[in-house]
Amino acid sequence: MHKLRLGITVVSMLALVSQSIFAATLVLEEGVSGYTGTADATLYENRPSNSNGAGAHFFAGVTKDASPRRALLRFDLAAIPAGSTVSSASLILTVDQSRPSTDLYTLHAALAAWNEGSVDAGEPGGLGAAAATGDATWSHRQFGFTTWSSLGGDYGTTSAQTFFSTAGTSSTFSSIAMVATVQNWVSNPLSNFGWIILGDESTAWNAHRFVSSEGTIGQRPRLIVIYTPPARIRDWDCYD
């Protein structure tokens, strides 16, 4: 009997190990496979009380008149089981309007909660529209209630960088620092405030317009996370 129980336990532990070594891939794009957890918005430096959280586009970079635009972007990671280990994170964005140039953009973890809001600035959207109460703006993370600690948003050091080019092209942010950020969000969901995207703010006329989570499906922001779920113990009581 003891030999049988030992054999069952060994088989069980082998199964436990086998469940913990296979990575899973999660692809998050608004409106695809039932996922509806993306939020995004634009912060307008020269229109600090304007927003565009429900628009089909968001903006980042610097305009012709030297006014920065910054983009906020957040994904719901609830589909990743608690205790998982993240091994890869990639963020894909699609440009739908720009000058004929290729420009550097940086990705930073946001450090405070913000609201996407319901304002749609329409076409082309580059100046935003008057913010509704609670919207994210250049001055407020919740308009009418809570300001950012610093104008233009509260964010950490650079997590990743990439170059974006002309309309119709896509580029990917991916780095070890992004993996650490996403891992922290999986381990501490209340710390998931998403990212802020900045262009090169040392020079003018490099702004790009990106497809937002309300834009064309297939071009919306896409986050790809590879992770290993925690090992599971099934029917442990049967070995007592």
Protein backbone atom coordinates (compact mmCIF):
# COMPACT_ATOMS: atom_id res chain seq x y z
CA MET A 1 0.00 0.00 0.00
CA HIS A 2 2.79 2.42 0.88
CA LYS A 3 4.56 1.64 -2.38
CA LEU A 4 1.36 2.32 -4.32
CA ARG A 5 0.80 5.62 -2.51
CA LEU A 6 4.41 6.64 -3.22
CA GLY A 7 3.98 5.80 -6.87
CA ILE A 8 0.82 7.88 -7.12
CA THR A 9 2.57 10.78 -5.39
CA VAL A 10 5.53 10.63 -7.78
CA VAL A 11 3.21 10.60 -10.78
CA SER A 12 1.31 13.50 -9.25
CA MET A 13 4.49 15.55 -8.79
CA LEU A 14 5.56 14.83 -12.36
CA ALA A 15 2.18 16.12 -13.55
CA LEU A 16 2.62 19.16 -11.34
CA VAL A 17 6.00 19.93 -12.90
CA SER A 18 4.68 19.35 -16.42
CA GLN A 19 1.91 21.90 -15.85
CA SER A 20 4.39 24.55 -14.76
CA ILE A 21 6.80 24.45 -17.71
CA PHE A 22 4.46 25.33 -20.59
CA ALA A 23 4.19 29.01 -21.45
CA ALA A 24 0.95 30.60 -22.60
CA THR A 25 0.54 33.53 -24.97
CA LEU A 26 -2.10 36.19 -24.35
CA VAL A 27 -2.98 38.65 -27.14
CA LEU A 28 -5.04 41.66 -26.03
CA GLU A 29 -6.73 43.86 -28.63
CA GLU A 30 -9.97 45.71 -27.94
CA GLY A 31 -12.96 43.95 -29.49
CA VAL A 32 -11.06 40.78 -30.41
CA SER A 33 -11.94 37.41 -28.84
CA GLY A 34 -14.30 39.08 -26.39
CA TYR A 35 -11.67 41.34 -24.83
CA THR A 36 -12.90 44.83 -23.83
CA GLY A 37 -10.32 46.12 -21.35
CA THR A 38 -8.19 48.73 -23.15
CA ALA A 39 -8.23 52.41 -22.18
CA ASP A 40 -6.37 55.21 -23.96
CA ALA A 41 -6.34 59.00 -24.06
CA THR A 42 -4.34 62.00 -25.28
CA LEU A 43 -2.85 64.77 -23.14
CA TYR A 44 -2.64 68.13 -24.97
CA GLU A 45 -0.03 70.56 -23.62
CA ASN A 46 -1.51 73.67 -25.27
CA ARG A 47 -5.08 72.57 -24.46
CA PRO A 48 -4.67 71.46 -20.83
CA SER A 49 -8.42 71.18 -20.25
CA ASN A 50 -9.14 69.13 -23.39
CA SER A 51 -9.39 65.37 -23.77
CA ASN A 52 -10.14 62.69 -26.37
CA GLY A 53 -10.59 59.39 -24.54
CA ALA A 54 -13.36 58.08 -26.82
CA GLY A 55 -11.80 59.13 -30.11
CA ALA A 56 -10.63 56.76 -32.82
CA HIS A 57 -7.08 58.10 -32.46
CA PHE A 58 -4.55 59.19 -29.89
CA PHE A 59 -1.51 61.41 -30.37
CA ALA A 60 2.08 61.55 -29.16
CA GLY A 61 5.04 63.68 -30.15
CA VAL A 62 5.36 67.41 -30.76
CA THR A 63 3.25 69.51 -33.12
CA LYS A 64 4.43 72.03 -35.71
CA ASP A 65 3.91 74.84 -33.16
CA ALA A 66 6.11 73.02 -30.59
CA SER A 67 3.30 71.75 -28.35
CA PRO A 68 3.77 68.22 -26.97
CA ARG A 69 1.14 65.50 -27.08
CA ARG A 70 1.37 62.49 -24.78
CA ALA A 71 -0.65 59.28 -24.95
CA LEU A 72 -1.99 57.18 -22.09
CA LEU A 73 -2.62 53.47 -22.64
CA ARG A 74 -3.74 50.71 -20.27
CA PHE A 75 -4.69 47.03 -20.68
CA ASP A 76 -6.70 44.81 -18.34
CA LEU A 77 -4.48 41.84 -17.41
CA ALA A 78 -7.08 39.91 -15.40
CA ALA A 79 -6.86 36.97 -17.84
CA ILE A 80 -3.34 36.17 -16.59
CA PRO A 81 -3.63 33.88 -13.54
CA ALA A 82 -2.28 35.16 -10.25
CA GLY A 83 1.17 33.75 -9.53
CA SER A 84 2.15 33.56 -13.21
CA THR A 85 5.67 34.38 -14.36
CA VAL A 86 5.88 36.81 -17.28
CA SER A 87 8.70 36.15 -19.78
CA SER A 88 7.86 38.50 -22.65
CA ALA A 89 5.81 41.64 -23.29
CA SER A 90 5.35 43.43 -26.62
CA LEU A 91 3.18 46.43 -27.45
CA ILE A 92 2.26 47.04 -31.09
CA LEU A 93 0.90 50.41 -32.27
CA THR A 94 -0.23 51.48 -35.73
CA VAL A 95 0.29 54.97 -37.15
CA ASP A 96 -2.57 56.40 -39.23
CA GLN A 97 -1.32 59.95 -39.76
CA SER A 98 2.12 61.58 -39.72
CA ARG A 99 4.64 63.61 -41.63
CA PRO A 100 6.96 61.63 -43.95
CA SER A 101 9.50 61.00 -41.22
CA THR A 102 10.68 58.34 -38.79
CA ASP A 103 10.81 59.41 -35.16
CA LEU A 104 11.81 57.98 -31.80
CA TYR A 105 9.16 57.28 -29.15
CA THR A 106 9.59 56.14 -25.55
CA LEU A 107 7.33 54.10 -23.27
CA HIS A 108 7.04 54.83 -19.55
CA ALA A 109 4.98 53.23 -16.77
CA ALA A 110 2.32 55.63 -15.50
CA LEU A 111 2.55 56.20 -11.75
CA ALA A 112 -1.01 57.26 -10.94
CA ALA A 113 -4.56 56.21 -11.79
CA TRP A 114 -6.38 58.06 -14.58
CA ASN A 115 -9.70 57.90 -16.42
CA GLU A 116 -10.12 57.42 -20.15
CA GLY A 117 -13.30 59.51 -20.33
CA SER A 118 -16.11 59.70 -22.86
CA VAL A 119 -15.13 62.72 -25.01
CA ASP A 120 -14.61 62.13 -28.75
CA ALA A 121 -12.74 64.99 -30.42
CA GLY A 122 -13.65 63.69 -33.89
CA GLU A 123 -11.51 64.29 -36.99
CA PRO A 124 -8.66 65.02 -37.04
CA GLY A 125 -8.65 65.24 -33.22
CA GLY A 126 -5.33 67.02 -32.86
CA LEU A 127 -6.62 69.67 -30.46
CA GLY A 128 -8.96 67.48 -28.44
CA ALA A 129 -12.30 68.76 -27.14
CA ALA A 130 -13.49 70.22 -23.85
CA ALA A 131 -12.99 67.60 -21.15
CA ALA A 132 -15.86 66.06 -19.23
CA THR A 133 -15.67 65.62 -15.49
CA GLY A 134 -13.24 62.82 -14.63
CA ASP A 135 -11.35 62.77 -17.96
CA ALA A 136 -7.57 62.55 -18.20
CA THR A 137 -6.08 65.86 -19.41
CA TRP A 138 -2.66 67.52 -19.43
CA SER A 139 -3.42 69.06 -16.04
CA HIS A 140 -5.67 66.42 -14.46
CA ARG A 141 -5.71 62.67 -14.20
CA GLN A 142 -9.39 63.07 -13.26
CA PHE A 143 -10.61 66.41 -14.60
CA GLY A 144 -12.38 68.49 -12.00
CA PHE A 145 -11.09 66.33 -9.17
CA THR A 146 -7.45 65.26 -9.13
CA THR A 147 -4.42 66.87 -10.77
CA TRP A 148 -1.25 65.12 -11.84
CA SER A 149 1.72 65.68 -9.57
CA SER A 150 3.46 67.07 -12.67
CA LEU A 151 1.76 68.65 -15.66
CA GLY A 152 1.62 66.19 -18.54
CA GLY A 153 1.30 63.09 -16.38
CA ASP A 154 3.23 61.18 -13.73
CA TYR A 155 5.53 58.51 -15.15
CA GLY A 156 8.71 56.55 -14.52
CA THR A 157 11.91 56.12 -16.44
CA THR A 158 11.99 54.79 -20.00
CA SER A 159 10.77 51.18 -20.20
CA ALA A 160 11.25 50.76 -23.95
CA GLN A 161 11.76 52.76 -27.12
CA THR A 162 11.09 52.31 -30.80
CA PHE A 163 10.80 54.29 -34.03
CA PHE A 164 7.51 55.06 -35.75
CA SER A 165 7.23 55.99 -39.39
CA THR A 166 4.48 56.92 -41.83
CA ALA A 167 0.74 56.23 -41.94
CA GLY A 168 -0.21 52.58 -42.27
CA THR A 169 2.94 51.26 -40.59
CA SER A 170 3.28 49.62 -37.19
CA SER A 171 6.12 49.32 -34.68
CA THR A 172 6.67 47.37 -31.50
CA PHE A 173 7.83 48.28 -28.02
CA SER A 174 9.50 45.32 -26.28
CA SER A 175 12.15 45.15 -23.55
CA ILE A 176 13.24 43.45 -20.35
CA ALA A 177 12.00 46.50 -18.42
CA MET A 178 8.53 46.03 -19.93
CA VAL A 179 8.54 42.42 -18.73
CA ALA A 180 9.32 43.61 -15.20
CA THR A 181 6.53 46.21 -15.39
CA VAL A 182 3.92 43.73 -16.60
CA GLN A 183 5.07 41.19 -14.00
CA ASN A 184 4.53 43.81 -11.31
CA TRP A 185 1.04 44.51 -12.60
CA VAL A 186 0.18 40.80 -12.62
CA SER A 187 1.49 40.41 -9.07
CA ASN A 188 -0.05 43.70 -7.88
CA PRO A 189 -3.11 44.45 -10.05
CA LEU A 190 -3.91 47.70 -8.23
CA SER A 191 -0.60 49.14 -9.46
CA ASN A 192 -1.59 48.78 -13.14
CA PHE A 193 -1.90 52.39 -14.30
CA GLY A 194 -0.74 51.55 -17.81
CA TRP A 195 1.84 53.46 -19.83
CA ILE A 196 2.54 56.98 -21.08
CA ILE A 197 3.98 57.31 -24.59
CA LEU A 198 6.26 60.26 -25.41
CA GLY A 199 7.82 61.45 -28.64
CA ASP A 200 11.09 63.32 -28.91
CA GLU A 201 10.13 66.53 -27.11
CA SER A 202 13.45 68.21 -27.82
CA THR A 203 12.34 69.11 -31.34
CA ALA A 204 9.12 70.23 -33.03
CA TRP A 205 6.93 68.77 -35.76
CA ASN A 206 7.33 65.06 -35.14
CA ALA A 207 3.88 64.15 -33.79
CA HIS A 208 2.19 60.97 -34.93
CA ARG A 209 -1.47 59.99 -34.77
CA PHE A 210 -2.09 56.37 -33.73
CA VAL A 211 -5.11 54.10 -34.05
CA SER A 212 -6.81 53.90 -30.64
CA SER A 213 -8.89 51.18 -29.01
CA GLU A 214 -11.94 52.77 -30.68
CA GLY A 215 -10.32 52.68 -34.12
CA THR A 216 -10.21 50.05 -36.84
CA ILE A 217 -10.08 46.48 -35.55
CA GLY A 218 -6.82 44.84 -36.54
CA GLN A 219 -4.98 48.15 -36.13
CA ARG A 220 -5.89 48.86 -32.52
CA PRO A 221 -3.19 48.76 -29.80
CA ARG A 222 -2.16 45.15 -29.23
CA LEU A 223 -0.36 43.80 -26.17
CA ILE A 224 1.20 40.33 -26.42
CA VAL A 225 2.25 38.72 -23.15
CA ILE A 226 3.99 35.36 -22.80
CA TYR A 227 3.74 33.90 -19.32
CA THR A 228 4.02 30.63 -17.42
CA PRO A 229 1.00 29.88 -15.21
CA PRO A 230 1.64 28.69 -11.65
CA ALA A 231 1.77 24.94 -11.07
CA ARG A 232 -1.51 23.48 -9.85
CA ILE A 233 -2.16 20.62 -7.45
CA ARG A 234 -5.30 18.69 -8.29
CA ASP A 235 -7.27 16.39 -6.04
CA TRP A 236 -4.62 16.50 -3.31
CA ASP A 237 -7.06 15.01 -0.78
CA CYS A 238 -7.11 11.67 -2.62
CA TYR A 239 -3.56 10.98 -1.41
CA ASP A 240 -4.42 11.23 2.30
